[in-house]
């Protein structure tokens, strides 16, 4: 237990009517859990798709132009059918060599895609990305791809939260 001089004021426990210490969350003023929408609201990326029948050559050019490590593969009806990443291109090069660039995106894309929703919490998305060992996750809303998160997007948001909590804790100590 902390010395009395370091302890904040006690708060009455409403259920028992007994004094208790305030929660850390209340003391530091923790904000609501950020969601994927929080990240998408700051994102500059509006183009994140490619067709399954586009060539790998076109894919590489597009990824380079967009400075993207992955693209969502969408069919003519704008339905997501997969995701293609830099890693997929590297694996394709190993398998087909330079002939890869004439092949369609559908031949190297990942079809079984883990996705998230705009309402999902950033921490939950980070856990899924870590568990699945992948760096990109499409954001789906009512069956439509509405964005593409990178692990860097998630890390930046989480870092912002930690910095905010740190600042609020310092403020509560200083007064």
Protein backbone atom coordinates (compact mmCIF):
# COMPACT_ATOMS: atom_id res chain seq x y z
CA UNK A 1 0.00 0.00 0.00
CA UNK A 2 1.30 3.46 -0.88
CA UNK A 3 2.22 5.89 1.89
CA UNK A 4 -0.65 8.19 2.82
CA UNK A 5 1.12 11.21 1.31
CA UNK A 6 1.06 9.57 -2.15
CA UNK A 7 -2.51 8.39 -2.04
CA UNK A 8 -5.30 10.22 -3.75
CA UNK A 9 -8.57 11.02 -2.02
CA UNK A 10 -10.76 8.04 -1.21
CA UNK A 11 -14.04 7.61 -2.99
CA UNK A 12 -17.08 6.06 -1.35
CA UNK A 13 -17.95 2.65 -2.79
CA UNK A 14 -21.60 3.14 -3.73
CA UNK A 15 -22.49 -0.52 -3.25
CA UNK A 16 -21.06 -0.88 0.25
CA UNK A 17 -20.88 2.73 1.44
CA UNK A 18 -17.22 2.16 2.34
CA UNK A 19 -14.29 4.36 1.29
CA UNK A 20 -12.10 3.02 -1.54
CA UNK A 21 -9.37 4.40 -3.79
CA UNK A 22 -10.45 5.76 -7.20
CA UNK A 23 -9.68 3.58 -10.19
CA UNK A 24 -6.58 4.28 -12.26
CA UNK A 25 -8.85 4.90 -15.23
CA UNK A 26 -10.70 7.64 -13.38
CA UNK A 27 -7.50 9.11 -11.96
CA UNK A 28 -5.78 9.44 -15.33
CA UNK A 29 -8.87 10.23 -17.40
CA UNK A 30 -8.52 7.32 -19.82
CA UNK A 31 -10.36 7.95 -23.06
CA UNK A 32 -12.85 5.56 -24.62
CA UNK A 33 -11.32 2.56 -26.36
CA UNK A 34 -10.36 3.66 -29.89
CA UNK A 35 -11.94 1.74 -32.73
CA UNK A 36 -10.95 1.01 -36.30
CA UNK A 37 -13.09 4.01 -37.28
CA UNK A 38 -10.66 6.20 -35.31
CA UNK A 39 -7.80 5.01 -37.51
CA UNK A 40 -9.76 5.17 -40.76
CA UNK A 41 -10.75 8.76 -39.95
CA UNK A 42 -7.06 9.76 -40.01
CA UNK A 43 -6.03 7.60 -42.95
CA UNK A 44 -5.21 9.21 -46.25
CA UNK A 45 -5.62 5.94 -48.18
CA UNK A 46 -8.77 5.80 -50.28
CA UNK A 47 -7.46 3.40 -52.92
CA UNK A 48 -6.72 -0.08 -51.65
CA UNK A 49 -8.16 -2.51 -54.20
CA UNK A 50 -7.16 -4.46 -57.30
CA UNK A 51 -8.99 -6.92 -59.56
CA UNK A 52 -8.16 -10.64 -59.44
CA UNK A 53 -7.50 -10.75 -63.18
CA UNK A 54 -5.04 -7.81 -63.15
CA UNK A 55 -1.45 -8.82 -63.82
CA UNK A 56 1.17 -9.05 -61.10
CA UNK A 57 3.10 -6.42 -63.06
CA UNK A 58 0.16 -4.03 -62.66
CA UNK A 59 -0.12 -5.03 -58.97
CA UNK A 60 3.54 -4.18 -58.28
CA UNK A 61 3.21 -0.84 -60.11
CA UNK A 62 0.05 -0.02 -58.14
CA UNK A 63 1.52 -1.01 -54.78
CA UNK A 64 4.58 1.10 -55.53
CA UNK A 65 2.51 4.12 -56.59
CA UNK A 66 0.32 3.86 -53.48
CA UNK A 67 3.26 3.05 -51.21
CA UNK A 68 1.23 0.08 -49.98
CA UNK A 69 2.37 -3.29 -48.70
CA UNK A 70 -0.95 -4.95 -49.53
CA UNK A 71 -4.10 -4.49 -51.57
CA UNK A 72 -7.59 -5.93 -51.18
CA UNK A 73 -8.60 -8.05 -54.17
CA UNK A 74 -12.15 -7.18 -55.27
CA UNK A 75 -14.23 -8.59 -58.10
CA UNK A 76 -16.40 -6.68 -60.60
CA UNK A 77 -19.20 -6.41 -58.03
CA UNK A 78 -16.82 -4.82 -55.47
CA UNK A 79 -16.92 -7.97 -53.35
CA UNK A 80 -13.69 -8.83 -51.57
CA UNK A 81 -12.28 -12.12 -52.84
CA UNK A 82 -8.84 -11.97 -51.23
CA UNK A 83 -5.81 -9.96 -50.21
CA UNK A 84 -2.40 -9.76 -51.85
CA UNK A 85 0.76 -8.66 -50.06
CA UNK A 86 4.43 -8.09 -50.74
CA UNK A 87 5.08 -11.50 -49.22
CA UNK A 88 2.78 -13.11 -51.78
CA UNK A 89 4.79 -11.48 -54.58
CA UNK A 90 8.05 -12.78 -53.09
CA UNK A 91 6.65 -16.31 -52.81
CA UNK A 92 5.42 -16.05 -56.41
CA UNK A 93 8.88 -15.01 -57.59
CA UNK A 94 10.35 -18.06 -55.90
CA UNK A 95 7.81 -20.33 -57.61
CA UNK A 96 7.56 -18.83 -61.13
CA UNK A 97 10.56 -16.52 -61.45
CA UNK A 98 10.12 -13.50 -63.72
CA UNK A 99 7.17 -15.21 -65.45
CA UNK A 100 5.21 -14.20 -62.34
CA UNK A 101 4.72 -10.67 -63.68
CA UNK A 102 2.48 -11.94 -66.51
CA UNK A 103 0.25 -14.01 -64.22
CA UNK A 104 -3.01 -12.76 -62.67
CA UNK A 105 -3.26 -11.56 -59.08
CA UNK A 106 -5.70 -14.41 -58.34
CA UNK A 107 -2.83 -16.92 -58.58
CA UNK A 108 -0.94 -15.50 -55.59
CA UNK A 109 -3.63 -13.86 -53.44
CA UNK A 110 -4.73 -15.17 -50.06
CA UNK A 111 -8.37 -16.22 -50.27
CA UNK A 112 -9.12 -16.98 -46.61
CA UNK A 113 -8.88 -13.45 -45.22
CA UNK A 114 -9.22 -12.36 -41.60
CA UNK A 115 -11.06 -9.04 -41.52
CA UNK A 116 -12.27 -6.49 -39.01
CA UNK A 117 -15.17 -4.08 -38.77
CA UNK A 118 -15.05 -0.30 -38.30
CA UNK A 119 -16.57 -0.87 -34.83
CA UNK A 120 -13.83 -3.26 -33.63
CA UNK A 121 -11.50 -2.02 -30.91
CA UNK A 122 -7.88 -1.31 -31.83
CA UNK A 123 -6.59 -3.64 -29.10
CA UNK A 124 -8.69 -6.53 -30.43
CA UNK A 125 -7.46 -5.93 -33.99
CA UNK A 126 -3.86 -5.85 -32.72
CA UNK A 127 -4.42 -9.20 -30.97
CA UNK A 128 -5.85 -10.79 -34.14
CA UNK A 129 -2.99 -9.47 -36.27
CA UNK A 130 -0.43 -10.75 -33.77
CA UNK A 131 -2.11 -14.15 -33.43
CA UNK A 132 -2.35 -14.54 -37.22
CA UNK A 133 1.17 -13.17 -37.84
CA UNK A 134 0.01 -10.82 -40.55
CA UNK A 135 0.60 -7.13 -41.12
CA UNK A 136 -2.52 -6.08 -43.05
CA UNK A 137 -6.23 -6.47 -42.35
CA UNK A 138 -9.13 -5.42 -44.59
CA UNK A 139 -11.91 -3.46 -42.92
CA UNK A 140 -15.34 -4.73 -43.93
CA UNK A 141 -18.66 -2.98 -43.37
CA UNK A 142 -21.88 -4.70 -44.46
CA UNK A 143 -20.00 -6.94 -46.91
CA UNK A 144 -18.00 -4.10 -48.51
CA UNK A 145 -14.30 -3.40 -48.11
CA UNK A 146 -14.08 0.12 -46.68
CA UNK A 147 -10.41 0.24 -45.75
CA UNK A 148 -7.17 -1.59 -45.18
CA UNK A 149 -5.27 -1.42 -41.88
CA UNK A 150 -1.58 -2.00 -41.50
CA UNK A 151 0.10 -3.05 -38.29
CA UNK A 152 1.80 0.37 -38.41
CA UNK A 153 -1.61 2.10 -38.32
CA UNK A 154 -2.56 0.05 -35.25
CA UNK A 155 0.80 0.68 -33.58
CA UNK A 156 0.55 4.45 -34.12
CA UNK A 157 -2.92 4.52 -32.55
CA UNK A 158 -1.82 2.41 -29.61
CA UNK A 159 1.26 4.60 -29.08
CA UNK A 160 -0.97 7.68 -29.07
CA UNK A 161 -3.11 6.07 -26.35
CA UNK A 162 -0.09 5.19 -24.21
CA UNK A 163 1.31 8.73 -24.56
CA UNK A 164 -2.06 10.20 -23.56
CA UNK A 165 -2.32 7.92 -20.52
CA UNK A 166 1.26 8.79 -19.55
CA UNK A 167 0.51 12.52 -19.78
CA UNK A 168 -2.67 12.19 -17.68
CA UNK A 169 -0.82 10.16 -15.04
CA UNK A 170 1.90 12.83 -14.81
CA UNK A 171 -0.79 15.53 -14.52
CA UNK A 172 -2.49 13.64 -11.70
CA UNK A 173 0.81 13.31 -9.82
CA UNK A 174 1.73 16.96 -10.25
CA UNK A 175 -1.72 18.20 -9.46
